[in-house]
Structure formats: structure tokens, C-alpha cells
Amino acid sequence: MDLKLLQGVGAAGASGLGRAAGATSTGGAGFSKALDSALKTVSDLQKNSSSLQRQYQMGADSVSLEDTMVAMQKAQVGFQAAVTVRNRLVSAYSDIMNMQV
């Protein structure tokens, strides 16, 4: 996973997902915590996006269309990164399970 792509997610998203990508050298527990943190960050981005969408649809003056669209894009990029990590983990698991001992 390219960390430059993750930097586009924003400060919160990149820090959580970036930690998940770089935590493999610290061991299983560190990777697990980093992955959990990254998934929570993606969830928070999606909740923020949904909240801004609802506020904009209700006509709140404090929420602009630009802020809403940026939040939606951050949530989408974060989710795509999480799905990519998941797919690679499943692929690695399948490869390991298919190895002959």
C-alpha cells in the first residue's frame, strides 16, 4: 500500500492507516492494534461524512457543499484502502493455507 495515497485521506485517516501499513515489524499484537485503530479511523470518517451530508440536506448554514464533498471523498479513500488491506490479508492467508508442509 502506498503511503502517499494514504496521505490524501487527511491527518486522521493517514495516521491510522499509515500505522497499520508500517506496524508489521513490531509483531502480531502491534499490527492487530494498528489495524483496529485504522478501521476505527475509517469508521469515524464515514460517520463524519454521513453527519455532514445530513446537515447539508437539512439546510444548515454552518455546513458547505465543499466540506461535505471533501468528507465524502476522505471516507471513500479510507474505505478503499481498508478493503485493499483486507483483500491482501485474505490472499496471504489463502497462500499460507495452500502451502504444503
C-alpha atoms as a PDB file:
ATOM      1  CA  MET A   1       0.000   0.000   0.000  1.00  0.00           C
ATOM      2  CA  ASP A   2       1.370   3.360  -0.993  1.00  0.00           C
ATOM      3  CA  LEU A   3       1.600   5.813   1.906  1.00  0.00           C
ATOM      4  CA  LYS A   4       1.361   8.787  -0.486  1.00  0.00           C
ATOM      5  CA  LEU A   5      -2.149   7.621  -1.331  1.00  0.00           C
ATOM      6  CA  LEU A   6      -2.962   7.399   2.362  1.00  0.00           C
ATOM      7  CA  GLN A   7      -1.716  10.931   2.995  1.00  0.00           C
ATOM      8  CA  GLY A   8      -4.576  12.138   0.814  1.00  0.00           C
ATOM      9  CA  VAL A   9      -7.058  10.725   3.317  1.00  0.00           C
ATOM     10  CA  GLY A  10      -6.253  13.538   5.744  1.00  0.00           C
ATOM     11  CA  ALA A  11      -4.425  13.809   9.021  1.00  0.00           C
ATOM     12  CA  ALA A  12      -6.697  11.457  10.943  1.00  0.00           C
ATOM     13  CA  GLY A  13      -7.059   8.869   8.221  1.00  0.00           C
ATOM     14  CA  ALA A  14      -3.417   8.798   7.198  1.00  0.00           C
ATOM     15  CA  SER A  15      -2.184   8.435  10.739  1.00  0.00           C
ATOM     16  CA  GLY A  16      -4.408   5.447  11.448  1.00  0.00           C
ATOM     17  CA  LEU A  17      -3.937   3.687   8.123  1.00  0.00           C
ATOM     18  CA  GLY A  18      -0.264   4.611   7.917  1.00  0.00           C
ATOM     19  CA  ARG A  19       0.331   2.961  11.279  1.00  0.00           C
ATOM     20  CA  ALA A  20      -1.386  -0.186  10.028  1.00  0.00           C
ATOM     21  CA  ALA A  21       0.886  -0.343   6.998  1.00  0.00           C
ATOM     22  CA  GLY A  22       4.082   0.178   8.983  1.00  0.00           C
ATOM     23  CA  ALA A  23       3.290  -1.977  12.006  1.00  0.00           C
ATOM     24  CA  THR A  24       4.320  -5.326  10.535  1.00  0.00           C
ATOM     25  CA  SER A  25       7.826  -5.110  12.006  1.00  0.00           C
ATOM     26  CA  THR A  26       6.568  -4.724  15.588  1.00  0.00           C
ATOM     27  CA  GLY A  27       4.875  -8.124  15.733  1.00  0.00           C
ATOM     28  CA  GLY A  28       1.373  -9.521  15.670  1.00  0.00           C
ATOM     29  CA  ALA A  29      -0.010  -7.569  18.598  1.00  0.00           C
ATOM     30  CA  GLY A  30       1.244  -4.261  17.213  1.00  0.00           C
ATOM     31  CA  PHE A  31      -0.222  -4.989  13.794  1.00  0.00           C
ATOM     32  CA  SER A  32      -3.532  -6.002  15.338  1.00  0.00           C
ATOM     33  CA  LYS A  33      -3.755  -2.767  17.328  1.00  0.00           C
ATOM     34  CA  ALA A  34      -2.755  -0.692  14.325  1.00  0.00           C
ATOM     35  CA  LEU A  35      -5.321  -2.404  12.116  1.00  0.00           C
ATOM     36  CA  ASP A  36      -8.007  -1.891  14.754  1.00  0.00           C
ATOM     37  CA  SER A  37      -7.057   1.776  15.006  1.00  0.00           C
ATOM     38  CA  ALA A  38      -7.157   2.153  11.222  1.00  0.00           C
ATOM     39  CA  LEU A  39     -10.605   0.575  10.996  1.00  0.00           C
ATOM     40  CA  LYS A  40     -11.898   2.864  13.735  1.00  0.00           C
ATOM     41  CA  THR A  41     -10.470   5.833  11.845  1.00  0.00           C
ATOM     42  CA  VAL A  42     -12.258   4.746   8.657  1.00  0.00           C
ATOM     43  CA  SER A  43     -15.463   4.326  10.641  1.00  0.00           C
ATOM     44  CA  ASP A  44     -15.070   7.816  12.130  1.00  0.00           C
ATOM     45  CA  LEU A  45     -14.505   9.289   8.651  1.00  0.00           C
ATOM     46  CA  GLN A  46     -17.688   7.611   7.405  1.00  0.00           C
ATOM     47  CA  LYS A  47     -19.706   8.828  10.403  1.00  0.00           C
ATOM     48  CA  ASN A  48     -18.416  12.377   9.887  1.00  0.00           C
ATOM     49  CA  SER A  49     -19.302  12.205   6.194  1.00  0.00           C
ATOM     50  CA  SER A  50     -22.831  10.966   6.933  1.00  0.00           C
ATOM     51  CA  SER A  51     -23.313  13.647   9.556  1.00  0.00           C
ATOM     52  CA  LEU A  52     -22.220  16.412   7.193  1.00  0.00           C
ATOM     53  CA  GLN A  53     -24.478  15.035   4.458  1.00  0.00           C
ATOM     54  CA  ARG A  54     -27.492  15.070   6.766  1.00  0.00           C
ATOM     55  CA  GLN A  55     -26.708  18.572   7.997  1.00  0.00           C
ATOM     56  CA  TYR A  56     -26.296  19.874   4.455  1.00  0.00           C
ATOM     57  CA  GLN A  57     -29.566  18.255   3.344  1.00  0.00           C
ATOM     58  CA  MET A  58     -31.352  19.860   6.293  1.00  0.00           C
ATOM     59  CA  GLY A  59     -30.066  23.262   5.173  1.00  0.00           C
ATOM     60  CA  ALA A  60     -27.617  24.005   7.986  1.00  0.00           C
ATOM     61  CA  ASP A  61     -25.767  27.239   7.254  1.00  0.00           C
ATOM     62  CA  SER A  62     -22.594  26.054   9.000  1.00  0.00           C
ATOM     63  CA  VAL A  63     -22.023  23.195   6.512  1.00  0.00           C
ATOM     64  CA  SER A  64     -20.890  23.905   2.974  1.00  0.00           C
ATOM     65  CA  LEU A  65     -21.152  21.653  -0.039  1.00  0.00           C
ATOM     66  CA  GLU A  66     -17.361  21.703  -0.382  1.00  0.00           C
ATOM     67  CA  ASP A  67     -16.810  20.448   3.174  1.00  0.00           C
ATOM     68  CA  THR A  68     -19.372  17.717   2.624  1.00  0.00           C
ATOM     69  CA  MET A  69     -17.792  16.559  -0.629  1.00  0.00           C
ATOM     70  CA  VAL A  70     -14.277  16.540   0.872  1.00  0.00           C
ATOM     71  CA  ALA A  71     -15.508  14.484   3.827  1.00  0.00           C
ATOM     72  CA  MET A  72     -17.195  12.041   1.459  1.00  0.00           C
ATOM     73  CA  GLN A  73     -14.003  11.638  -0.586  1.00  0.00           C
ATOM     74  CA  LYS A  74     -11.893  11.098   2.549  1.00  0.00           C
ATOM     75  CA  ALA A  75     -14.308   8.403   3.700  1.00  0.00           C
ATOM     76  CA  GLN A  76     -14.273   6.754   0.267  1.00  0.00           C
ATOM     77  CA  VAL A  77     -10.464   6.703   0.025  1.00  0.00           C
ATOM     78  CA  GLY A  78     -10.166   5.379   3.572  1.00  0.00           C
ATOM     79  CA  PHE A  79     -12.698   2.641   2.882  1.00  0.00           C
ATOM     80  CA  GLN A  80     -10.966   1.653  -0.364  1.00  0.00           C
ATOM     81  CA  ALA A  81      -7.640   1.428   1.487  1.00  0.00           C
ATOM     82  CA  ALA A  82      -9.222  -0.745   4.185  1.00  0.00           C
ATOM     83  CA  VAL A  83     -10.749  -3.047   1.564  1.00  0.00           C
ATOM     84  CA  THR A  84      -7.373  -3.330  -0.180  1.00  0.00           C
ATOM     85  CA  VAL A  85      -5.680  -4.295   3.095  1.00  0.00           C
ATOM     86  CA  ARG A  86      -8.412  -6.833   3.795  1.00  0.00           C
ATOM     87  CA  ASN A  87      -8.087  -8.364   0.324  1.00  0.00           C
ATOM     88  CA  ARG A  88      -4.331  -8.673   0.711  1.00  0.00           C
ATOM     89  CA  LEU A  89      -4.700 -10.290   4.134  1.00  0.00           C
ATOM     90  CA  VAL A  90      -7.191 -12.821   2.760  1.00  0.00           C
ATOM     91  CA  SER A  91      -4.895 -13.535  -0.161  1.00  0.00           C
ATOM     92  CA  ALA A  92      -1.907 -14.036   2.150  1.00  0.00           C
ATOM     93  CA  TYR A  93      -3.967 -16.314   4.399  1.00  0.00           C
ATOM     94  CA  SER A  94      -5.064 -18.376   1.387  1.00  0.00           C
ATOM     95  CA  ASP A  95      -1.469 -18.660   0.189  1.00  0.00           C
ATOM     96  CA  ILE A  96      -0.308 -19.833   3.600  1.00  0.00           C
ATOM     97  CA  MET A  97      -3.143 -22.347   3.925  1.00  0.00           C
ATOM     98  CA  ASN A  98      -2.370 -23.790   0.472  1.00  0.00           C
ATOM     99  CA  MET A  99       1.333 -24.335   1.271  1.00  0.00           C
ATOM    100  CA  GLN A 100       2.437 -27.911   1.501  1.00  0.00           C
ATOM    101  CA  VAL A 101       4.153 -28.817   4.748  1.00  0.00           C
END
